[in-house]
Amino acid sequence: MAEDILGKAEIDFDKGGGLVPAIAQDVRTGKVLMMAYMNREALETTLKEGRACYWSRSRKELWRKGDTSGDIQIVEQVLVDCDQDTILLLVQQRGQGACHTRKWSCFFRRLTREGELKDIDE
């Protein structure tokens, strides 16, 4: 069944030890929301359900975005980079945001030339 979902797509899971980076981007604004990882099962689940599902490296289990927070990501498109080892999800972010800190994006800090982290306005 797994081969049927991905079809002939040759995503290179081997290069990353079974995982590929997956970037979620707001389909409406273009803002990068977060980066996580997917294994084959997470990608298949995402394709099947139309909702972002990732692999939790710390818990070592599938992580359906929003199961506990309610902040789900409806997947509009799944793009694959030229090396076929990175996924870009164009999503409709629902809820209060993508970040577990309750920010809209996980990328809410910038690194200054002096090496300091500064919060940026969203």
Protein backbone atom coordinates (compact mmCIF):
# COMPACT_ATOMS: atom_id res chain seq x y z
CA MET A 1 0.00 0.00 0.00
CA ALA A 2 2.85 2.40 0.76
CA GLU A 3 4.12 2.24 -2.81
CA ASP A 4 0.63 3.06 -4.13
CA ILE A 5 0.42 6.33 -2.20
CA LEU A 6 3.79 7.72 -3.24
CA GLY A 7 3.54 6.15 -6.68
CA LYS A 8 6.77 6.49 -8.60
CA ALA A 9 8.03 9.42 -6.52
CA GLU A 10 11.56 8.67 -5.41
CA ILE A 11 11.95 10.71 -2.26
CA ASP A 12 15.47 10.22 -0.89
CA PHE A 13 14.78 9.18 2.70
CA ASP A 14 18.08 7.27 2.85
CA LYS A 15 20.28 10.37 2.76
CA GLY A 16 18.84 11.60 6.09
CA GLY A 17 18.69 8.24 7.85
CA GLY A 18 15.03 7.70 6.97
CA LEU A 19 13.97 11.33 7.41
CA VAL A 20 13.64 14.34 5.13
CA PRO A 21 13.26 17.98 6.22
CA ALA A 22 9.74 19.30 5.71
CA ILE A 23 9.13 23.04 5.59
CA ALA A 24 5.60 24.38 6.10
CA GLN A 25 4.82 27.65 4.33
CA ASP A 26 1.60 29.66 4.52
CA VAL A 27 -0.02 29.30 1.11
CA ARG A 28 -1.70 32.72 1.39
CA THR A 29 1.15 34.91 2.70
CA GLY A 30 4.25 32.93 1.72
CA LYS A 31 5.54 33.15 5.31
CA VAL A 32 7.67 30.20 6.43
CA LEU A 33 5.88 28.69 9.42
CA MET A 34 8.04 25.84 10.63
CA MET A 35 10.48 23.08 9.79
CA ALA A 36 10.09 19.50 10.95
CA TYR A 37 10.94 16.05 9.62
CA MET A 38 8.99 13.42 7.75
CA ASN A 39 9.62 9.74 7.31
CA ARG A 40 7.86 7.76 4.59
CA GLU A 41 4.84 7.03 6.80
CA ALA A 42 4.41 10.72 7.74
CA LEU A 43 4.52 11.77 4.07
CA GLU A 44 2.08 9.03 3.07
CA THR A 45 -0.28 10.04 5.89
CA THR A 46 -0.05 13.69 4.84
CA LEU A 47 -0.90 12.80 1.25
CA LYS A 48 -3.75 10.53 2.28
CA GLU A 49 -5.33 12.85 4.88
CA GLY A 50 -4.53 16.27 3.38
CA ARG A 51 -3.34 17.42 6.78
CA ALA A 52 0.30 17.84 7.83
CA CYS A 53 1.78 14.89 9.66
CA TYR A 54 5.41 14.81 10.76
CA TRP A 55 7.81 12.46 12.50
CA SER A 56 8.69 13.44 16.07
CA ARG A 57 12.37 12.72 16.56
CA SER A 58 12.11 13.15 20.34
CA ARG A 59 9.04 10.94 20.82
CA LYS A 60 9.88 8.62 17.92
CA GLU A 61 6.30 8.59 16.65
CA LEU A 62 4.04 10.19 14.07
CA TRP A 63 2.92 13.69 15.00
CA ARG A 64 -0.24 15.00 13.39
CA LYS A 65 0.10 18.77 13.62
CA GLY A 66 -2.66 20.09 15.84
CA ASP A 67 -3.77 16.90 17.58
CA THR A 68 -3.12 18.46 20.98
CA SER A 69 -3.08 22.20 20.18
CA GLY A 70 -5.86 22.35 17.60
CA ASP A 71 -3.50 24.36 15.33
CA ILE A 72 -3.73 22.19 12.23
CA GLN A 73 -2.22 22.58 8.79
CA ILE A 74 -4.39 21.83 5.77
CA VAL A 75 -2.05 20.87 2.92
CA GLU A 76 -2.73 22.57 -0.41
CA GLN A 77 0.39 21.38 -2.24
CA VAL A 78 3.42 19.19 -1.60
CA LEU A 79 6.55 20.35 -3.41
CA VAL A 80 9.82 18.42 -3.63
CA ASP A 81 13.24 19.97 -4.17
CA CYS A 82 15.62 19.14 -7.03
CA ASP A 83 17.57 16.55 -4.99
CA GLN A 84 14.30 14.95 -3.87
CA ASP A 85 15.40 15.10 -0.24
CA THR A 86 13.40 18.07 1.10
CA ILE A 87 9.64 18.64 1.21
CA LEU A 88 7.87 22.00 1.06
CA LEU A 89 4.26 21.96 2.25
CA LEU A 90 2.06 24.86 1.17
CA VAL A 91 -0.54 24.94 3.93
CA GLN A 92 -3.52 26.76 5.31
CA GLN A 93 -2.55 27.28 8.93
CA ARG A 94 -5.57 27.04 11.21
CA GLY A 95 -5.75 28.02 14.85
CA GLN A 96 -3.40 30.33 16.74
CA GLY A 97 -0.24 29.50 14.83
CA ALA A 98 2.30 26.89 13.84
CA CYS A 99 4.70 27.29 16.77
CA HIS A 100 4.31 25.56 20.13
CA THR A 101 5.13 28.96 21.70
CA ARG A 102 1.78 30.21 20.34
CA LYS A 103 3.49 32.33 17.68
CA TRP A 104 2.19 32.19 14.11
CA SER A 105 5.61 31.10 12.84
CA CYS A 106 8.46 29.28 14.56
CA PHE A 107 10.78 31.80 12.89
CA PHE A 108 10.09 34.76 15.16
CA ARG A 109 13.70 35.58 16.08
CA ARG A 110 16.56 37.00 14.07
CA LEU A 111 20.25 36.56 14.72
CA THR A 112 22.11 39.88 14.71
CA ARG A 113 25.62 40.33 13.35
CA GLU A 114 26.70 40.58 16.98
CA GLY A 115 25.38 37.10 17.64
CA GLU A 116 22.30 38.12 19.63
CA LEU A 117 18.81 36.71 19.19
CA LYS A 118 16.12 39.37 18.85
CA ASP A 119 12.38 38.82 18.61
CA ILE A 120 10.84 40.25 15.46
CA ASP A 121 7.33 41.56 15.05
CA GLU A 122 4.86 39.27 13.37
